[in-house]
Amino acid sequence: MKIHENPNCKKIKGSHILEVSCAYCKCFIARYQKVGTSNFVKMYNDRIISGSIDFSLFHGAIFCPGCGERIATRYVTKIDKKEAYRLVPSAFHKKKVLV
């Protein structure tokens, strides 16, 4: 499986890195910079570091490359007007990565 670097990624101060994988087949989806301790419900496109999907192209939804299940749907946030992916609650697992 090829890992694609996200050219839109910006380094965020005070963030920790999460590794997101599919809940059905355990396939790697993305590495994400999470800020704060709140629930993980959306992924901003500029915080995704790398992934098995090419995030330089804006997809309508994120599907698992292994099994084809839908992981997230793209939308624009109301407050920030930023591109983000709303995660399906039972479709993914996250793991904190120690750097």
PDB file of N, CA and C in Angstrom:
ATOM      1  N   MET A   1       0.836  -1.170   0.000  1.00  0.00           N
ATOM      2  CA  MET A   1       0.000   0.000   0.000  1.00  0.00           C
ATOM      3  C   MET A   1       0.889   1.243   0.000  1.00  0.00           C
ATOM      4  N   LYS A   2       0.566   2.172  -0.874  1.00  0.00           N
ATOM      5  CA  LYS A   2       1.352   3.389  -0.991  1.00  0.00           C
ATOM      6  C   LYS A   2       0.817   4.446  -0.020  1.00  0.00           C
ATOM      7  N   ILE A   3       1.713   5.141   0.656  1.00  0.00           N
ATOM      8  CA  ILE A   3       1.347   6.217   1.574  1.00  0.00           C
ATOM      9  C   ILE A   3       1.545   7.549   0.850  1.00  0.00           C
ATOM     10  N   HIS A   4       0.501   8.372   0.839  1.00  0.00           N
ATOM     11  CA  HIS A   4       0.532   9.673   0.181  1.00  0.00           C
ATOM     12  C   HIS A   4       0.695  10.762   1.228  1.00  0.00           C
ATOM     13  N   GLU A   5       1.640  11.664   1.014  1.00  0.00           N
ATOM     14  CA  GLU A   5       1.801  12.825   1.886  1.00  0.00           C
ATOM     15  C   GLU A   5       0.780  13.882   1.460  1.00  0.00           C
ATOM     16  N   ASN A   6       0.228  14.611   2.419  1.00  0.00           N
ATOM     17  CA  ASN A   6      -0.763  15.644   2.132  1.00  0.00           C
ATOM     18  C   ASN A   6      -0.055  16.976   1.935  1.00  0.00           C
ATOM     19  N   PRO A   7      -0.116  17.568   0.732  1.00  0.00           N
ATOM     20  CA  PRO A   7       0.553  18.859   0.517  1.00  0.00           C
ATOM     21  C   PRO A   7      -0.152  20.019   1.219  1.00  0.00           C
ATOM     22  N   ASN A   8      -1.401  19.833   1.650  1.00  0.00           N
ATOM     23  CA  ASN A   8      -2.155  20.880   2.332  1.00  0.00           C
ATOM     24  C   ASN A   8      -1.874  20.917   3.830  1.00  0.00           C
ATOM     25  N   CYS A   9      -1.067  20.000   4.340  1.00  0.00           N
ATOM     26  CA  CYS A   9      -0.822  19.865   5.774  1.00  0.00           C
ATOM     27  C   CYS A   9       0.003  21.030   6.317  1.00  0.00           C
ATOM     28  N   LYS A  10      -0.412  21.521   7.486  1.00  0.00           N
ATOM     29  CA  LYS A  10       0.330  22.556   8.203  1.00  0.00           C
ATOM     30  C   LYS A  10       0.640  22.020   9.585  1.00  0.00           C
ATOM     31  N   LYS A  11       1.839  22.288  10.082  1.00  0.00           N
ATOM     32  CA  LYS A  11       2.212  21.826  11.417  1.00  0.00           C
ATOM     33  C   LYS A  11       1.456  22.650  12.454  1.00  0.00           C
ATOM     34  N   ILE A  12       0.816  21.955  13.391  1.00  0.00           N
ATOM     35  CA  ILE A  12       0.010  22.607  14.423  1.00  0.00           C
ATOM     36  C   ILE A  12       0.737  22.484  15.761  1.00  0.00           C
ATOM     37  N   LYS A  13       0.956  23.610  16.413  1.00  0.00           N
ATOM     38  CA  LYS A  13       1.649  23.621  17.694  1.00  0.00           C
ATOM     39  C   LYS A  13       0.738  23.064  18.786  1.00  0.00           C
ATOM     40  N   GLY A  14       1.272  22.208  19.648  1.00  0.00           N
ATOM     41  CA  GLY A  14       0.522  21.655  20.755  1.00  0.00           C
ATOM     42  C   GLY A  14      -0.411  20.516  20.393  1.00  0.00           C
ATOM     43  N   SER A  15      -0.196  19.897  19.239  1.00  0.00           N
ATOM     44  CA  SER A  15      -1.081  18.803  18.814  1.00  0.00           C
ATOM     45  C   SER A  15      -0.427  17.448  19.090  1.00  0.00           C
ATOM     46  N   HIS A  16      -1.246  16.402  19.105  1.00  0.00           N
ATOM     47  CA  HIS A  16      -0.715  15.048  19.179  1.00  0.00           C
ATOM     48  C   HIS A  16      -1.189  14.292  17.939  1.00  0.00           C
ATOM     49  N   ILE A  17      -0.479  13.235  17.591  1.00  0.00           N
ATOM     50  CA  ILE A  17      -0.738  12.530  16.342  1.00  0.00           C
ATOM     51  C   ILE A  17      -1.580  11.286  16.607  1.00  0.00           C
ATOM     52  N   LEU A  18      -2.641  11.135  15.807  1.00  0.00           N
ATOM     53  CA  LEU A  18      -3.488   9.958  15.857  1.00  0.00           C
ATOM     54  C   LEU A  18      -3.329   9.160  14.574  1.00  0.00           C
ATOM     55  N   GLU A  19      -3.354   7.859  14.703  1.00  0.00           N
ATOM     56  CA  GLU A  19      -3.353   6.984  13.535  1.00  0.00           C
ATOM     57  C   GLU A  19      -4.760   6.418  13.401  1.00  0.00           C
ATOM     58  N   VAL A  20      -5.408   6.705  12.285  1.00  0.00           N
ATOM     59  CA  VAL A  20      -6.789   6.301  12.051  1.00  0.00           C
ATOM     60  C   VAL A  20      -6.790   5.069  11.154  1.00  0.00           C
ATOM     61  N   SER A  21      -7.564   4.041  11.542  1.00  0.00           N
ATOM     62  CA  SER A  21      -7.655   2.826  10.741  1.00  0.00           C
ATOM     63  C   SER A  21      -9.118   2.404  10.626  1.00  0.00           C
ATOM     64  N   CYS A  22      -9.393   1.551   9.665  1.00  0.00           N
ATOM     65  CA  CYS A  22     -10.743   1.050   9.418  1.00  0.00           C
ATOM     66  C   CYS A  22     -11.142   0.089  10.539  1.00  0.00           C
ATOM     67  N   ALA A  23     -12.381   0.193  11.017  1.00  0.00           N
ATOM     68  CA  ALA A  23     -12.858  -0.682  12.083  1.00  0.00           C
ATOM     69  C   ALA A  23     -13.184  -2.081  11.566  1.00  0.00           C
ATOM     70  N   TYR A  24     -13.436  -2.212  10.274  1.00  0.00           N
ATOM     71  CA  TYR A  24     -13.856  -3.487   9.711  1.00  0.00           C
ATOM     72  C   TYR A  24     -12.667  -4.380   9.340  1.00  0.00           C
ATOM     73  N   CYS A  25     -11.681  -3.798   8.627  1.00  0.00           N
ATOM     74  CA  CYS A  25     -10.563  -4.621   8.138  1.00  0.00           C
ATOM     75  C   CYS A  25      -9.215  -4.208   8.711  1.00  0.00           C
ATOM     76  N   LYS A  26      -9.166  -3.221   9.609  1.00  0.00           N
ATOM     77  CA  LYS A  26      -7.947  -2.733  10.273  1.00  0.00           C
ATOM     78  C   LYS A  26      -6.938  -2.109   9.298  1.00  0.00           C
ATOM     79  N   CYS A  27      -7.395  -1.668   8.137  1.00  0.00           N
ATOM     80  CA  CYS A  27      -6.530  -1.055   7.122  1.00  0.00           C
ATOM     81  C   CYS A  27      -6.202   0.390   7.535  1.00  0.00           C
ATOM     82  N   PHE A  28      -4.946   0.813   7.344  1.00  0.00           N
ATOM     83  CA  PHE A  28      -4.501   2.164   7.680  1.00  0.00           C
ATOM     84  C   PHE A  28      -5.207   3.176   6.777  1.00  0.00           C
ATOM     85  N   ILE A  29      -5.735   4.250   7.383  1.00  0.00           N
ATOM     86  CA  ILE A  29      -6.408   5.303   6.626  1.00  0.00           C
ATOM     87  C   ILE A  29      -5.564   6.577   6.602  1.00  0.00           C
ATOM     88  N   ALA A  30      -5.202   7.107   7.786  1.00  0.00           N
ATOM     89  CA  ALA A  30      -4.502   8.394   7.822  1.00  0.00           C
ATOM     90  C   ALA A  30      -3.799   8.617   9.145  1.00  0.00           C
ATOM     91  N   ARG A  31      -2.823   9.544   9.125  1.00  0.00           N
ATOM     92  CA  ARG A  31      -2.199  10.092  10.333  1.00  0.00           C
ATOM     93  C   ARG A  31      -2.701  11.528  10.441  1.00  0.00           C
ATOM     94  N   TYR A  32      -3.182  11.898  11.643  1.00  0.00           N
ATOM     95  CA  TYR A  32      -3.876  13.159  11.835  1.00  0.00           C
ATOM     96  C   TYR A  32      -3.346  13.884  13.066  1.00  0.00           C
ATOM     97  N   GLN A  33      -3.243  15.222  12.977  1.00  0.00           N
ATOM     98  CA  GLN A  33      -2.827  16.055  14.109  1.00  0.00           C
ATOM     99  C   GLN A  33      -4.071  16.502  14.862  1.00  0.00           C
ATOM    100  N   LYS A  34      -4.278  15.994  16.068  1.00  0.00           N
ATOM    101  CA  LYS A  34      -5.452  16.329  16.877  1.00  0.00           C
ATOM    102  C   LYS A  34      -5.062  17.356  17.923  1.00  0.00           C
ATOM    103  N   VAL A  35      -5.873  18.379  18.066  1.00  0.00           N
ATOM    104  CA  VAL A  35      -5.646  19.424  19.064  1.00  0.00           C
ATOM    105  C   VAL A  35      -6.726  19.299  20.129  1.00  0.00           C
ATOM    106  N   GLY A  36      -6.326  19.264  21.388  1.00  0.00           N
ATOM    107  CA  GLY A  36      -7.274  19.216  22.491  1.00  0.00           C
ATOM    108  C   GLY A  36      -7.668  17.804  22.879  1.00  0.00           C
ATOM    109  N   THR A  37      -8.583  17.715  23.847  1.00  0.00           N
ATOM    110  CA  THR A  37      -8.987  16.424  24.382  1.00  0.00           C
ATOM    111  C   THR A  37     -10.449  16.091  24.084  1.00  0.00           C
ATOM    112  N   SER A  38     -11.093  16.858  23.234  1.00  0.00           N
ATOM    113  CA  SER A  38     -12.501  16.611  22.918  1.00  0.00           C
ATOM    114  C   SER A  38     -12.649  15.356  22.054  1.00  0.00           C
ATOM    115  N   ASN A  39     -13.895  14.979  21.791  1.00  0.00           N
ATOM    116  CA  ASN A  39     -14.164  13.801  20.976  1.00  0.00           C
ATOM    117  C   ASN A  39     -13.648  13.980  19.555  1.00  0.00           C
ATOM    118  N   PHE A  40     -13.324  12.867  18.920  1.00  0.00           N
ATOM    119  CA  PHE A  40     -12.787  12.854  17.559  1.00  0.00           C
ATOM    120  C   PHE A  40     -13.958  12.621  16.604  1.00  0.00           C
ATOM    121  N   VAL A  41     -14.563  13.698  16.097  1.00  0.00           N
ATOM    122  CA  VAL A  41     -15.736  13.584  15.241  1.00  0.00           C
ATOM    123  C   VAL A  41     -15.502  14.082  13.826  1.00  0.00           C
ATOM    124  N   LYS A  42     -14.451  14.886  13.611  1.00  0.00           N
ATOM    125  CA  LYS A  42     -14.161  15.375  12.264  1.00  0.00           C
ATOM    126  C   LYS A  42     -12.659  15.523  12.071  1.00  0.00           C
ATOM    127  N   MET A  43     -12.249  15.449  10.813  1.00  0.00           N
ATOM    128  CA  MET A  43     -10.847  15.639  10.449  1.00  0.00           C
ATOM    129  C   MET A  43     -10.776  16.816   9.486  1.00  0.00           C
ATOM    130  N   TYR A  44     -10.035  17.850   9.884  1.00  0.00           N
ATOM    131  CA  TYR A  44      -9.790  18.963   8.980  1.00  0.00           C
ATOM    132  C   TYR A  44      -8.750  18.534   7.952  1.00  0.00           C
ATOM    133  N   ASN A  45      -8.945  18.954   6.698  1.00  0.00           N
ATOM    134  CA  ASN A  45      -8.050  18.531   5.626  1.00  0.00           C
ATOM    135  C   ASN A  45      -6.622  19.047   5.826  1.00  0.00           C
ATOM    136  N   ASP A  46      -6.460  20.233   6.398  1.00  0.00           N
ATOM    137  CA  ASP A  46      -5.113  20.784   6.572  1.00  0.00           C
ATOM    138  C   ASP A  46      -4.381  20.202   7.776  1.00  0.00           C
ATOM    139  N   ARG A  47      -5.016  19.322   8.550  1.00  0.00           N
ATOM    140  CA  ARG A  47      -4.347  18.661   9.678  1.00  0.00           C
ATOM    141  C   ARG A  47      -3.985  17.205   9.378  1.00  0.00           C
ATOM    142  N   ILE A  48      -4.409  16.688   8.227  1.00  0.00           N
ATOM    143  CA  ILE A  48      -4.068  15.318   7.852  1.00  0.00           C
ATOM    144  C   ILE A  48      -2.631  15.312   7.341  1.00  0.00           C
ATOM    145  N   ILE A  49      -1.765  14.512   7.976  1.00  0.00           N
ATOM    146  CA  ILE A  49      -0.348  14.473   7.621  1.00  0.00           C
ATOM    147  C   ILE A  49      -0.127  13.603   6.396  1.00  0.00           C
ATOM    148  N   SER A  50      -0.591  12.370   6.466  1.00  0.00           N
ATOM    149  CA  SER A  50      -0.423  11.427   5.360  1.00  0.00           C
ATOM    150  C   SER A  50      -1.531  10.389   5.446  1.00  0.00           C
ATOM    151  N   GLY A  51      -1.681   9.627   4.365  1.00  0.00           N
ATOM    152  CA  GLY A  51      -2.709   8.604   4.378  1.00  0.00           C
ATOM    153  C   GLY A  51      -2.604   7.663   3.198  1.00  0.00           C
ATOM    154  N   SER A  52      -3.408   6.617   3.233  1.00  0.00           N
ATOM    155  CA  SER A  52      -3.428   5.662   2.138  1.00  0.00           C
ATOM    156  C   SER A  52      -4.262   6.184   0.976  1.00  0.00           C
ATOM    157  N   ILE A  53      -4.954   7.296   1.187  1.00  0.00           N
ATOM    158  CA  ILE A  53      -5.739   7.968   0.158  1.00  0.00           C
ATOM    159  C   ILE A  53      -5.028   9.280  -0.165  1.00  0.00           C
ATOM    160  N   ASP A  54      -5.077   9.695  -1.423  1.00  0.00           N
ATOM    161  CA  ASP A  54      -4.426  10.945  -1.826  1.00  0.00           C
ATOM    162  C   ASP A  54      -5.312  12.120  -1.408  1.00  0.00           C
ATOM    163  N   PHE A  55      -4.936  12.827  -0.333  1.00  0.00           N
ATOM    164  CA  PHE A  55      -5.736  13.924   0.185  1.00  0.00           C
ATOM    165  C   PHE A  55      -5.463  15.250  -0.517  1.00  0.00           C
ATOM    166  N   SER A  56      -4.557  15.280  -1.509  1.00  0.00           N
ATOM    167  CA  SER A  56      -4.364  16.499  -2.281  1.00  0.00           C
ATOM    168  C   SER A  56      -5.574  16.724  -3.192  1.00  0.00           C
ATOM    169  N   LEU A  57      -6.263  15.634  -3.559  1.00  0.00           N
ATOM    170  CA  LEU A  57      -7.519  15.721  -4.299  1.00  0.00           C
ATOM    171  C   LEU A  57      -8.642  15.736  -3.272  1.00  0.00           C
ATOM    172  N   PHE A  58      -9.595  16.622  -3.425  1.00  0.00           N
ATOM    173  CA  PHE A  58     -10.699  16.696  -2.470  1.00  0.00           C
ATOM    174  C   PHE A  58     -11.741  15.660  -2.850  1.00  0.00           C
ATOM    175  N   HIS A  59     -11.915  14.658  -2.011  1.00  0.00           N
ATOM    176  CA  HIS A  59     -12.872  13.595  -2.246  1.00  0.00           C
ATOM    177  C   HIS A  59     -14.211  13.972  -1.628  1.00  0.00           C
ATOM    178  N   GLY A  60     -15.312  13.438  -2.157  1.00  0.00           N
ATOM    179  CA  GLY A  60     -16.625  13.668  -1.576  1.00  0.00           C
ATOM    180  C   GLY A  60     -16.792  12.890  -0.287  1.00  0.00           C
ATOM    181  N   ALA A  61     -16.128  11.741  -0.212  1.00  0.00           N
ATOM    182  CA  ALA A  61     -16.177  10.902   0.982  1.00  0.00           C
ATOM    183  C   ALA A  61     -14.888  10.097   1.038  1.00  0.00           C
ATOM    184  N   ILE A  62     -14.567   9.577   2.218  1.00  0.00           N
ATOM    185  CA  ILE A  62     -13.400   8.714   2.386  1.00  0.00           C
ATOM    186  C   ILE A  62     -13.895   7.286   2.508  1.00  0.00           C
ATOM    187  N   PHE A  63     -13.428   6.432   1.611  1.00  0.00           N
ATOM    188  CA  PHE A  63     -13.752   5.010   1.647  1.00  0.00           C
ATOM    189  C   PHE A  63     -12.492   4.227   1.970  1.00  0.00           C
ATOM    190  N   CYS A  64     -12.630   3.145   2.696  1.00  0.00           N
ATOM    191  CA  CYS A  64     -11.493   2.297   3.044  1.00  0.00           C
ATOM    192  C   CYS A  64     -10.923   1.674   1.774  1.00  0.00           C
ATOM    193  N   PRO A  65      -9.600   1.751   1.566  1.00  0.00           N
ATOM    194  CA  PRO A  65      -9.010   1.128   0.381  1.00  0.00           C
ATOM    195  C   PRO A  65      -9.022  -0.394   0.435  1.00  0.00           C
ATOM    196  N   GLY A  66      -9.180  -0.962   1.626  1.00  0.00           N
ATOM    197  CA  GLY A  66      -9.188  -2.412   1.768  1.00  0.00           C
ATOM    198  C   GLY A  66     -10.543  -3.046   1.518  1.00  0.00           C
ATOM    199  N   CYS A  67     -11.581  -2.552   2.225  1.00  0.00           N
ATOM    200  CA  CYS A  67     -12.902  -3.198   2.154  1.00  0.00           C
ATOM    201  C   CYS A  67     -13.968  -2.345   1.491  1.00  0.00           C
ATOM    202  N   GLY A  68     -13.710  -1.054   1.280  1.00  0.00           N
ATOM    203  CA  GLY A  68     -14.667  -0.196   0.588  1.00  0.00           C
ATOM    204  C   GLY A  68     -15.735   0.423   1.463  1.00  0.00           C
ATOM    205  N   GLU A  69     -15.655   0.266   2.786  1.00  0.00           N
ATOM    206  CA  GLU A  69     -16.639   0.870   3.689  1.00  0.00           C
ATOM    207  C   GLU A  69     -16.410   2.384   3.777  1.00  0.00           C
ATOM    208  N   ARG A  70     -17.500   3.144   3.977  1.00  0.00           N
ATOM    209  CA  ARG A  70     -17.403   4.597   4.092  1.00  0.00           C
ATOM    210  C   ARG A  70     -16.915   4.951   5.491  1.00  0.00           C
ATOM    211  N   ILE A  71     -15.846   5.740   5.569  1.00  0.00           N
ATOM    212  CA  ILE A  71     -15.255   6.162   6.833  1.00  0.00           C
ATOM    213  C   ILE A  71     -15.719   7.573   7.203  1.00  0.00           C
ATOM    214  N   ALA A  72     -15.794   8.474   6.210  1.00  0.00           N
ATOM    215  CA  ALA A  72     -16.156   9.863   6.481  1.00  0.00           C
ATOM    216  C   ALA A  72     -16.763  10.514   5.239  1.00  0.00           C
ATOM    217  N   THR A  73     -17.473  11.627   5.479  1.00  0.00           N
ATOM    218  CA  THR A  73     -18.082  12.403   4.411  1.00  0.00           C
ATOM    219  C   THR A  73     -17.553  13.825   4.477  1.00  0.00           C
ATOM    220  N   ARG A  74     -17.254  14.411   3.321  1.00  0.00           N
ATOM    221  CA  ARG A  74     -16.711  15.771   3.289  1.00  0.00           C
ATOM    222  C   ARG A  74     -17.819  16.801   3.449  1.00  0.00           C
ATOM    223  N   TYR A  75     -17.505  17.879   4.186  1.00  0.00           N
ATOM    224  CA  TYR A  75     -18.418  19.008   4.317  1.00  0.00           C
ATOM    225  C   TYR A  75     -17.619  20.256   4.639  1.00  0.00           C
ATOM    226  N   VAL A  76     -18.264  21.413   4.615  1.00  0.00           N
ATOM    227  CA  VAL A  76     -17.640  22.692   4.966  1.00  0.00           C
ATOM    228  C   VAL A  76     -18.221  23.113   6.309  1.00  0.00           C
ATOM    229  N   THR A  77     -17.342  23.398   7.280  1.00  0.00           N
ATOM    230  CA  THR A  77     -17.808  23.783   8.610  1.00  0.00           C
ATOM    231  C   THR A  77     -18.492  25.154   8.564  1.00  0.00           C
ATOM    232  N   LYS A  78     -19.503  25.337   9.411  1.00  0.00           N
ATOM    233  CA  LYS A  78     -20.275  26.584   9.397  1.00  0.00           C
ATOM    234  C   LYS A  78     -19.482  27.754   9.960  1.00  0.00           C
ATOM    235  N   ILE A  79     -18.764  27.528  11.050  1.00  0.00           N
ATOM    236  CA  ILE A  79     -18.081  28.622  11.730  1.00  0.00           C
ATOM    237  C   ILE A  79     -16.818  29.050  10.980  1.00  0.00           C
ATOM    238  N   ASP A  80     -15.947  28.069  10.677  1.00  0.00           N
ATOM    239  CA  ASP A  80     -14.646  28.377  10.076  1.00  0.00           C
ATOM    240  C   ASP A  80     -14.674  28.470   8.562  1.00  0.00           C
ATOM    241  N   LYS A  81     -15.687  27.873   7.918  1.00  0.00           N
ATOM    242  CA  LYS A  81     -15.737  27.749   6.456  1.00  0.00           C
ATOM    243  C   LYS A  81     -14.515  27.002   5.929  1.00  0.00           C
ATOM    244  N   LYS A  82     -14.145  25.908   6.648  1.00  0.00           N
ATOM    245  CA  LYS A  82     -12.993  25.087   6.271  1.00  0.00           C
ATOM    246  C   LYS A  82     -13.462  23.714   5.808  1.00  0.00           C
ATOM    247  N   GLU A  83     -12.667  23.097   4.927  1.00  0.00           N
ATOM    248  CA  GLU A  83     -12.943  21.750   4.451  1.00  0.00           C
ATOM    249  C   GLU A  83     -12.660  20.755   5.572  1.00  0.00           C
ATOM    250  N   ALA A  84     -13.595  19.845   5.822  1.00  0.00           N
ATOM    251  CA  ALA A  84     -13.416  18.836   6.857  1.00  0.00           C
ATOM    252  C   ALA A  84     -14.140  17.563   6.438  1.00  0.00           C
ATOM    253  N   TYR A  85     -13.806  16.471   7.116  1.00  0.00           N
ATOM    254  CA  TYR A  85     -14.469  15.193   6.904  1.00  0.00           C
ATOM    255  C   TYR A  85     -15.176  14.802   8.197  1.00  0.00           C
ATOM    256  N   ARG A  86     -16.494  14.587   8.137  1.00  0.00           N
ATOM    257  CA  ARG A  86     -17.269  14.145   9.300  1.00  0.00           C
ATOM    258  C   ARG A  86     -17.170  12.622   9.363  1.00  0.00           C
ATOM    259  N   LEU A  87     -16.650  12.101  10.457  1.00  0.00           N
ATOM    260  CA  LEU A  87     -16.394  10.665  10.598  1.00  0.00           C
ATOM    261  C   LEU A  87     -17.661   9.906  10.975  1.00  0.00           C
ATOM    262  N   VAL A  88     -17.811   8.708  10.418  1.00  0.00           N
ATOM    263  CA  VAL A  88     -18.885   7.804  10.805  1.00  0.00           C
ATOM    264  C   VAL A  88     -18.442   7.168  12.120  1.00  0.00           C
ATOM    265  N   PRO A  89     -19.239   7.282  13.204  1.00  0.00           N
ATOM    266  CA  PRO A  89     -18.778   6.893  14.542  1.00  0.00           C
ATOM    267  C   PRO A  89     -18.267   5.461  14.693  1.00  0.00           C
ATOM    268  N   SER A  90     -18.876   4.492  14.049  1.00  0.00           N
ATOM    269  CA  SER A  90     -18.467   3.102  14.253  1.00  0.00           C
ATOM    270  C   SER A  90     -17.563   2.570  13.145  1.00  0.00           C
ATOM    271  N   ALA A  91     -17.093   3.421  12.245  1.00  0.00           N
ATOM    272  CA  ALA A  91     -16.363   2.954  11.069  1.00  0.00           C
ATOM    273  C   ALA A  91     -14.843   3.051  11.193  1.00  0.00           C
ATOM    274  N   PHE A  92     -14.325   3.562  12.309  1.00  0.00           N
ATOM    275  CA  PHE A  92     -12.881   3.760  12.410  1.00  0.00           C
ATOM    276  C   PHE A  92     -12.394   3.473  13.826  1.00  0.00           C
ATOM    277  N   HIS A  93     -11.087   3.240  13.934  1.00  0.00           N
ATOM    278  CA  HIS A  93     -10.386   3.154  15.215  1.00  0.00           C
ATOM    279  C   HIS A  93      -9.291   4.195  15.189  1.00  0.00           C
ATOM    280  N   LYS A  94      -8.980   4.741  16.352  1.00  0.00           N
ATOM    281  CA  LYS A  94      -7.878   5.701  16.445  1.00  0.00           C
ATOM    282  C   LYS A  94      -6.900   5.229  17.502  1.00  0.00           C
ATOM    283  N   LYS A  95      -5.634   5.555  17.272  1.00  0.00           N
ATOM    284  CA  LYS A  95      -4.582   5.174  18.217  1.00  0.00           C
ATOM    285  C   LYS A  95      -3.608   6.337  18.290  1.00  0.00           C
ATOM    286  N   LYS A  96      -3.267   6.741  19.507  1.00  0.00           N
ATOM    287  CA  LYS A  96      -2.305   7.821  19.693  1.00  0.00           C
ATOM    288  C   LYS A  96      -0.913   7.305  19.381  1.00  0.00           C
ATOM    289  N   VAL A  97      -0.162   8.072  18.590  1.00  0.00           N
ATOM    290  CA  VAL A  97       1.188   7.679  18.190  1.00  0.00           C
ATOM    291  C   VAL A  97       2.187   8.484  19.012  1.00  0.00           C
ATOM    292  N   LEU A  98       3.113   7.802  19.641  1.00  0.00           N
ATOM    293  CA  LEU A  98       4.172   8.485  20.388  1.00  0.00           C
ATOM    294  C   LEU A  98       5.302   8.806  19.435  1.00  0.00           C
ATOM    295  N   VAL A  99       5.691  10.068  19.417  1.00  0.00           N
ATOM    296  CA  VAL A  99       6.740  10.507  18.490  1.00  0.00           C
ATOM    297  C   VAL A  99       8.081  10.488  19.166  1.00  0.00           C
TER     298      VAL A  99
END
